[in-house]
């Protein structure tokens, strides 16, 4: 009886310790967290979390949105205080460095998830002549109900902006899919697409295996933009020169779930998550669902170089790219592309 009591007591203690550990992780016990004043045009929860590098044990930050929301990271910085202090968040006159697209962090594993944990790194701040002392991340919690699956059949009218994702995102997308959405807004109103996160399999830098195609206007070659590989953290924005846009997703029959990209980094092939916006907060009609299989002829992907550039200005479909690449003038095998839907 005494041995059995000891056994039950040990189990109880394990359960209690596990519960306390989970509580600490979820609440960001080892980091400072604050809500940010909400933007009136984005009625979402905006947060920031920070942590010092010189902390007992392994310093980490916890990014948490909850089961009904998706994490969208806006900003990540390493900083160093110019005064003696024990706080772990930025102060006025701090020396800072942008680490949103740093090779030392993989924020892609956080994008689209309900929560994630990241260790706090340490970097040399050349402008300060010293090492960073803290990490701060600003992020937004986007409600899942606002993010539409490109392969689900639906039709709606949205005001100002909306979100699209691949099936199962942020998990691996299904094979052998062809799906598309048709977006249309007021005449003389442009649409802008911002890539939050995209990892689609590519054969090489000039050839896609799975791909996302943006097509606008009269559907000739100069109005096409092909995407695959890795595009993260708003590295790319595209603006249409017309008031409509087709977004087409194609996946092949191979279920490869990871791929190695620049700097020998291995990434999970999650699919994509993007935002579309209309000028002047105009209404956007959207219709999505399954589509006919399309074959690309020789259209090359338009992938921004991972150079850490802070220039996120959009380029125009049909015009010159602001990242120094011209859109290829190539057509699909079919000279006419019958759209899935017409509004």
Protein backbone atom coordinates (compact mmCIF):
# COMPACT_ATOMS: atom_id res chain seq x y z
CA UNK A 1 0.00 0.00 0.00
CA UNK A 2 2.82 2.36 0.92
CA UNK A 3 4.60 1.69 -2.44
CA UNK A 4 1.35 2.31 -4.32
CA UNK A 5 0.89 5.63 -2.49
CA UNK A 6 4.42 6.66 -3.46
CA UNK A 7 3.71 5.75 -7.08
CA UNK A 8 0.49 7.79 -7.18
CA UNK A 9 2.28 10.70 -5.52
CA UNK A 10 5.02 10.59 -8.16
CA UNK A 11 2.50 10.57 -11.00
CA UNK A 12 0.66 13.49 -9.42
CA UNK A 13 3.89 15.47 -9.13
CA UNK A 14 4.79 14.78 -12.80
CA UNK A 15 1.34 15.94 -13.95
CA UNK A 16 1.58 19.07 -11.79
CA UNK A 17 5.06 19.97 -13.09
CA UNK A 18 4.00 19.38 -16.70
CA UNK A 19 0.97 21.65 -16.20
CA UNK A 20 3.12 24.43 -14.72
CA UNK A 21 5.62 24.15 -17.58
CA UNK A 22 2.86 24.45 -20.18
CA UNK A 23 1.41 27.43 -18.35
CA UNK A 24 4.78 29.17 -18.35
CA UNK A 25 5.32 28.49 -22.06
CA UNK A 26 1.87 29.63 -23.16
CA UNK A 27 1.91 32.79 -21.10
CA UNK A 28 5.45 33.74 -22.14
CA UNK A 29 6.61 33.52 -18.54
CA UNK A 30 10.24 34.18 -19.47
CA UNK A 31 9.52 37.20 -21.69
CA UNK A 32 7.86 40.59 -21.57
CA UNK A 33 4.64 40.91 -23.58
CA UNK A 34 2.43 43.91 -24.34
CA UNK A 35 -0.53 44.65 -26.55
CA UNK A 36 -0.02 47.29 -29.22
CA UNK A 37 -2.64 49.92 -29.97
CA UNK A 38 -4.89 48.49 -32.65
CA UNK A 39 -5.03 50.02 -36.13
CA UNK A 40 -8.61 51.08 -36.87
CA UNK A 41 -8.32 49.50 -40.31
CA UNK A 42 -7.13 46.19 -38.82
CA UNK A 43 -9.46 45.08 -36.01
CA UNK A 44 -7.07 42.32 -34.98
CA UNK A 45 -5.04 41.72 -31.85
CA UNK A 46 -1.56 43.25 -32.20
CA UNK A 47 1.17 42.24 -29.74
CA UNK A 48 4.85 42.62 -29.03
CA UNK A 49 7.09 40.34 -27.00
CA UNK A 50 10.69 40.83 -25.89
CA UNK A 51 13.43 39.06 -23.97
CA UNK A 52 17.01 39.76 -22.85
CA UNK A 53 19.86 37.60 -24.12
CA UNK A 54 21.64 37.47 -20.76
CA UNK A 55 18.98 35.49 -18.92
CA UNK A 56 19.27 32.41 -16.72
CA UNK A 57 19.00 29.23 -18.70
CA UNK A 58 18.01 29.30 -22.37
CA UNK A 59 16.35 32.68 -23.12
CA UNK A 60 13.31 32.39 -25.37
CA UNK A 61 10.22 34.27 -26.46
CA UNK A 62 6.73 32.83 -26.81
CA UNK A 63 4.49 34.12 -29.59
CA UNK A 64 0.87 33.22 -28.87
CA UNK A 65 -2.41 33.93 -30.68
CA UNK A 66 -4.72 31.06 -29.74
CA UNK A 67 -6.40 28.28 -31.69
CA UNK A 68 -8.71 30.57 -33.69
CA UNK A 69 -6.05 32.96 -34.98
CA UNK A 70 -2.92 32.91 -37.16
CA UNK A 71 0.41 34.53 -36.28
CA UNK A 72 1.57 37.25 -38.68
CA UNK A 73 4.98 38.65 -37.70
CA UNK A 74 5.53 42.29 -38.63
CA UNK A 75 8.86 43.18 -37.06
CA UNK A 76 11.83 41.57 -35.30
CA UNK A 77 14.80 43.52 -33.93
CA UNK A 78 17.99 43.00 -31.97
CA UNK A 79 18.73 45.95 -29.72
CA UNK A 80 21.24 47.33 -27.25
CA UNK A 81 20.51 49.84 -24.50
CA UNK A 82 22.65 52.97 -24.26
CA UNK A 83 22.07 53.19 -20.51
CA UNK A 84 22.29 50.86 -17.53
CA UNK A 85 18.95 49.09 -17.16
CA UNK A 86 17.50 45.67 -16.46
CA UNK A 87 14.48 45.97 -18.77
CA UNK A 88 14.26 43.70 -21.81
CA UNK A 89 12.31 45.97 -24.17
CA UNK A 90 13.41 48.91 -26.38
CA UNK A 91 14.05 52.33 -24.88
CA UNK A 92 14.56 55.69 -26.54
CA UNK A 93 17.97 56.08 -28.22
CA UNK A 94 18.61 52.32 -28.32
CA UNK A 95 20.79 50.93 -31.08
CA UNK A 96 18.76 48.45 -33.17
CA UNK A 97 19.14 46.01 -36.04
CA UNK A 98 16.38 44.47 -38.18
CA UNK A 99 16.45 40.65 -37.93
CA UNK A 100 13.12 39.91 -39.63
CA UNK A 101 14.88 38.37 -42.64
CA UNK A 102 18.07 37.37 -40.83
CA UNK A 103 19.57 33.96 -41.63
CA UNK A 104 19.94 33.45 -37.86
CA UNK A 105 16.16 33.21 -37.35
CA UNK A 106 13.53 31.10 -39.06
CA UNK A 107 10.33 33.07 -38.51
CA UNK A 108 8.60 31.03 -41.22
CA UNK A 109 7.88 28.31 -38.64
CA UNK A 110 5.79 30.87 -36.73
CA UNK A 111 3.87 32.33 -39.67
CA UNK A 112 0.30 31.02 -39.81
CA UNK A 113 0.58 28.99 -36.60
CA UNK A 114 -1.43 29.59 -33.42
CA UNK A 115 1.75 29.87 -31.32
CA UNK A 116 5.48 29.27 -31.47
CA UNK A 117 8.64 29.53 -29.36
CA UNK A 118 11.97 30.98 -30.51
CA UNK A 119 15.34 31.13 -28.77
CA UNK A 120 16.87 34.58 -28.33
CA UNK A 121 19.98 35.03 -30.46
CA UNK A 122 22.96 37.33 -30.05
CA UNK A 123 24.45 39.48 -32.85
CA UNK A 124 27.14 42.09 -33.33
CA UNK A 125 25.66 45.55 -33.94
CA UNK A 126 28.25 47.27 -36.12
CA UNK A 127 26.70 50.72 -35.73
CA UNK A 128 26.90 50.40 -31.94
CA UNK A 129 30.25 48.67 -31.64
CA UNK A 130 28.75 46.10 -29.30
CA UNK A 131 26.59 42.99 -29.10
CA UNK A 132 22.80 43.01 -28.90
CA UNK A 133 21.25 42.62 -25.46
CA UNK A 134 17.61 41.81 -26.33
CA UNK A 135 15.20 40.63 -29.01
CA UNK A 136 11.77 42.15 -29.65
CA UNK A 137 9.08 40.82 -32.00
CA UNK A 138 5.89 42.60 -33.05
CA UNK A 139 3.11 40.41 -34.42
CA UNK A 140 -0.57 40.34 -35.30
CA UNK A 141 -3.21 37.69 -34.62
CA UNK A 142 -5.32 37.28 -37.77
CA UNK A 143 -8.65 35.46 -37.21
CA UNK A 144 -8.78 32.21 -39.18
CA UNK A 145 -12.34 32.97 -40.30
CA UNK A 146 -10.97 35.87 -42.40
CA UNK A 147 -8.50 33.69 -44.32
CA UNK A 148 -10.01 31.91 -47.34
CA UNK A 149 -8.82 28.57 -48.71
CA UNK A 150 -8.14 28.96 -52.45
CA UNK A 151 -9.49 25.45 -53.14
CA UNK A 152 -12.77 25.82 -51.26
CA UNK A 153 -15.78 26.81 -53.33
CA UNK A 154 -17.12 30.15 -52.14
CA UNK A 155 -18.20 33.57 -53.33
CA UNK A 156 -18.22 36.80 -51.36
CA UNK A 157 -17.80 40.58 -51.39
CA UNK A 158 -15.16 42.00 -49.07
CA UNK A 159 -14.44 45.58 -48.08
CA UNK A 160 -10.91 46.81 -48.66
CA UNK A 161 -8.87 43.66 -48.20
CA UNK A 162 -8.85 39.90 -47.61
CA UNK A 163 -6.56 36.89 -47.20
CA UNK A 164 -5.93 33.72 -49.21
CA UNK A 165 -4.08 30.53 -48.24
CA UNK A 166 -3.31 27.11 -49.66
CA UNK A 167 -5.20 24.05 -48.34
CA UNK A 168 -3.90 22.81 -44.95
CA UNK A 169 -1.66 25.88 -44.44
CA UNK A 170 0.53 26.14 -42.37
CA UNK A 171 0.90 22.38 -42.87
CA UNK A 172 1.94 20.77 -46.15
CA UNK A 173 -0.41 21.31 -49.08
CA UNK A 174 -2.14 18.38 -50.86
CA UNK A 175 -0.83 16.97 -54.14
CA UNK A 176 -2.45 17.20 -57.60
CA UNK A 177 -4.41 20.38 -57.00
CA UNK A 178 -5.49 23.10 -59.42
CA UNK A 179 -7.48 25.86 -57.76
CA UNK A 180 -8.02 29.53 -58.45
CA UNK A 181 -9.69 32.68 -57.19
CA UNK A 182 -10.97 35.52 -59.34
CA UNK A 183 -10.87 38.98 -57.75
CA UNK A 184 -12.53 42.07 -59.17
CA UNK A 185 -12.93 45.59 -57.83
CA UNK A 186 -14.16 48.98 -59.07
CA UNK A 187 -13.01 50.35 -62.41
CA UNK A 188 -9.75 52.32 -62.29
CA UNK A 189 -8.98 50.70 -58.93
CA UNK A 190 -5.81 48.66 -58.51
CA UNK A 191 -5.30 45.54 -56.42
CA UNK A 192 -2.12 44.89 -54.42
CA UNK A 193 -0.99 41.43 -53.32
CA UNK A 194 1.40 41.08 -50.37
CA UNK A 195 3.14 37.73 -49.83
CA UNK A 196 3.15 36.94 -46.12
CA UNK A 197 4.61 33.46 -46.52
CA UNK A 198 5.24 31.17 -49.50
CA UNK A 199 7.17 27.91 -49.75
CA UNK A 200 6.32 25.92 -52.88
CA UNK A 201 8.57 23.26 -54.39
CA UNK A 202 10.87 24.35 -57.21
CA UNK A 203 13.13 22.33 -59.51
CA UNK A 204 15.67 25.15 -59.77
CA UNK A 205 15.67 28.93 -59.69
CA UNK A 206 14.24 29.06 -63.21
CA UNK A 207 11.66 26.28 -62.99
CA UNK A 208 8.75 25.58 -60.63
CA UNK A 209 7.41 22.18 -59.62
CA UNK A 210 4.46 23.54 -57.62
CA UNK A 211 3.48 27.15 -58.29
CA UNK A 212 1.22 30.14 -57.67
CA UNK A 213 0.38 32.28 -60.70
CA UNK A 214 -0.97 35.84 -60.60
CA UNK A 215 -2.61 37.03 -63.81
CA UNK A 216 -4.31 40.36 -64.51
CA UNK A 217 -5.87 42.44 -67.29
CA UNK A 218 -6.03 41.04 -70.80
CA UNK A 219 -4.14 37.85 -69.81
CA UNK A 220 -1.21 38.24 -72.20
CA UNK A 221 2.29 37.30 -71.11
CA UNK A 222 3.33 40.62 -69.62
CA UNK A 223 0.49 40.41 -67.09
CA UNK A 224 1.65 37.12 -65.53
CA UNK A 225 3.70 36.62 -62.39
CA UNK A 226 4.87 33.11 -61.44
CA UNK A 227 5.84 32.26 -57.86
CA UNK A 228 7.52 29.27 -56.19
CA UNK A 229 10.46 28.56 -53.92
CA UNK A 230 10.63 30.69 -50.79
CA UNK A 231 9.13 34.18 -50.33
CA UNK A 232 8.70 35.30 -46.73
CA UNK A 233 8.08 38.29 -44.49
CA UNK A 234 6.53 40.56 -47.12
CA UNK A 235 9.62 40.29 -49.33
CA UNK A 236 7.36 40.73 -52.34
CA UNK A 237 4.37 42.86 -53.29
CA UNK A 238 2.59 42.96 -56.64
CA UNK A 239 0.16 45.62 -57.88
CA UNK A 240 -2.16 45.04 -60.85
CA UNK A 241 -2.51 47.64 -63.59
CA UNK A 242 -6.15 46.59 -64.01
CA UNK A 243 -9.05 46.10 -61.62
CA UNK A 244 -9.09 42.29 -61.69
CA UNK A 245 -6.80 39.43 -60.76
CA UNK A 246 -6.71 35.64 -61.07
CA UNK A 247 -4.72 33.69 -58.46
CA UNK A 248 -4.04 30.08 -59.55
CA UNK A 249 -2.43 27.33 -57.43
CA UNK A 250 -0.99 24.18 -59.02
CA UNK A 251 0.62 21.23 -57.21
CA UNK A 252 2.07 18.12 -58.86
CA UNK A 253 1.76 14.44 -57.89
CA UNK A 254 4.85 14.29 -55.66
CA UNK A 255 4.41 14.79 -51.91
CA UNK A 256 7.82 16.27 -51.07
CA UNK A 257 7.41 18.11 -47.76
CA UNK A 258 10.76 19.92 -47.37
CA UNK A 259 13.30 21.65 -49.57
CA UNK A 260 16.69 23.30 -49.08
CA UNK A 261 16.89 26.94 -50.17
CA UNK A 262 19.53 29.70 -49.97
CA UNK A 263 22.16 29.52 -47.22
CA UNK A 264 21.55 25.73 -47.02
CA UNK A 265 18.38 26.30 -45.02
CA UNK A 266 15.83 23.49 -45.02
CA UNK A 267 12.22 24.69 -45.00
CA UNK A 268 8.89 22.93 -44.73
CA UNK A 269 6.83 23.29 -47.90
CA UNK A 270 3.77 24.93 -46.33
CA UNK A 271 2.13 26.45 -49.41
CA UNK A 272 1.23 30.11 -49.22
CA UNK A 273 -0.52 32.86 -47.28
CA UNK A 274 -1.11 36.26 -48.87
CA UNK A 275 -3.15 39.43 -48.48
CA UNK A 276 -4.95 41.30 -51.26
CA UNK A 277 -6.02 44.94 -50.96
CA UNK A 278 -7.99 47.41 -53.07
CA UNK A 279 -7.22 51.10 -53.34
CA UNK A 280 -9.36 53.50 -51.30
CA UNK A 281 -10.83 50.61 -49.29
CA UNK A 282 -13.03 49.65 -52.27
CA UNK A 283 -15.19 46.51 -52.31
CA UNK A 284 -13.65 43.35 -53.77
CA UNK A 285 -15.71 40.58 -55.33
CA UNK A 286 -14.09 37.17 -54.93
CA UNK A 287 -14.97 33.72 -56.20
CA UNK A 288 -12.84 30.61 -55.60
CA UNK A 289 -12.83 26.88 -56.22
CA UNK A 290 -11.35 24.01 -58.21
CA UNK A 291 -10.00 24.81 -61.68
CA UNK A 292 -8.85 23.07 -64.83
CA UNK A 293 -5.27 21.84 -64.95
CA UNK A 294 -2.90 24.34 -66.55
CA UNK A 295 0.51 23.69 -68.08
CA UNK A 296 3.20 26.37 -68.11
CA UNK A 297 5.31 26.66 -71.23
CA UNK A 298 8.47 28.47 -70.15
CA UNK A 299 7.37 31.18 -67.76
CA UNK A 300 10.11 31.76 -65.19
CA UNK A 301 9.42 32.38 -61.50
CA UNK A 302 9.85 35.94 -60.23
CA UNK A 303 11.57 35.37 -56.88
CA UNK A 304 13.08 38.26 -54.91
CA UNK A 305 16.73 37.81 -53.99
CA UNK A 306 17.36 37.15 -50.27
CA UNK A 307 19.55 40.25 -49.91
CA UNK A 308 17.87 41.66 -46.80
CA UNK A 309 16.67 44.69 -48.73
CA UNK A 310 14.17 46.82 -46.86
CA UNK A 311 12.57 48.06 -50.11
CA UNK A 312 9.13 46.42 -50.05
CA UNK A 313 7.55 48.72 -52.66
CA UNK A 314 5.26 46.80 -55.04
CA UNK A 315 5.87 46.40 -58.74
CA UNK A 316 3.09 46.39 -61.32
CA UNK A 317 1.88 43.44 -63.38
CA UNK A 318 2.56 44.51 -66.95
CA UNK A 319 5.30 46.95 -65.87
CA UNK A 320 8.88 46.90 -64.65
CA UNK A 321 9.64 45.19 -61.38
CA UNK A 322 10.82 47.36 -58.50
CA UNK A 323 13.21 44.58 -57.47
CA UNK A 324 15.06 44.83 -60.76
CA UNK A 325 13.38 41.98 -62.65
CA UNK A 326 11.11 42.33 -65.67
CA UNK A 327 8.13 40.04 -65.93
CA UNK A 328 8.62 37.45 -68.67
CA UNK A 329 6.44 37.79 -71.77
CA UNK A 330 5.33 34.19 -72.06
CA UNK A 331 1.91 32.69 -72.63
CA UNK A 332 0.35 29.47 -71.38
CA UNK A 333 0.14 26.50 -73.74
CA UNK A 334 -3.49 27.39 -74.26
CA UNK A 335 -3.72 30.71 -76.10
CA UNK A 336 -6.97 31.45 -74.35
CA UNK A 337 -7.30 30.85 -70.62
CA UNK A 338 -10.94 30.12 -69.79
CA UNK A 339 -11.38 31.43 -66.26
CA UNK A 340 -13.07 29.36 -63.62
CA UNK A 341 -15.45 32.20 -62.90
CA UNK A 342 -16.57 35.53 -64.30
CA UNK A 343 -18.22 38.26 -62.25
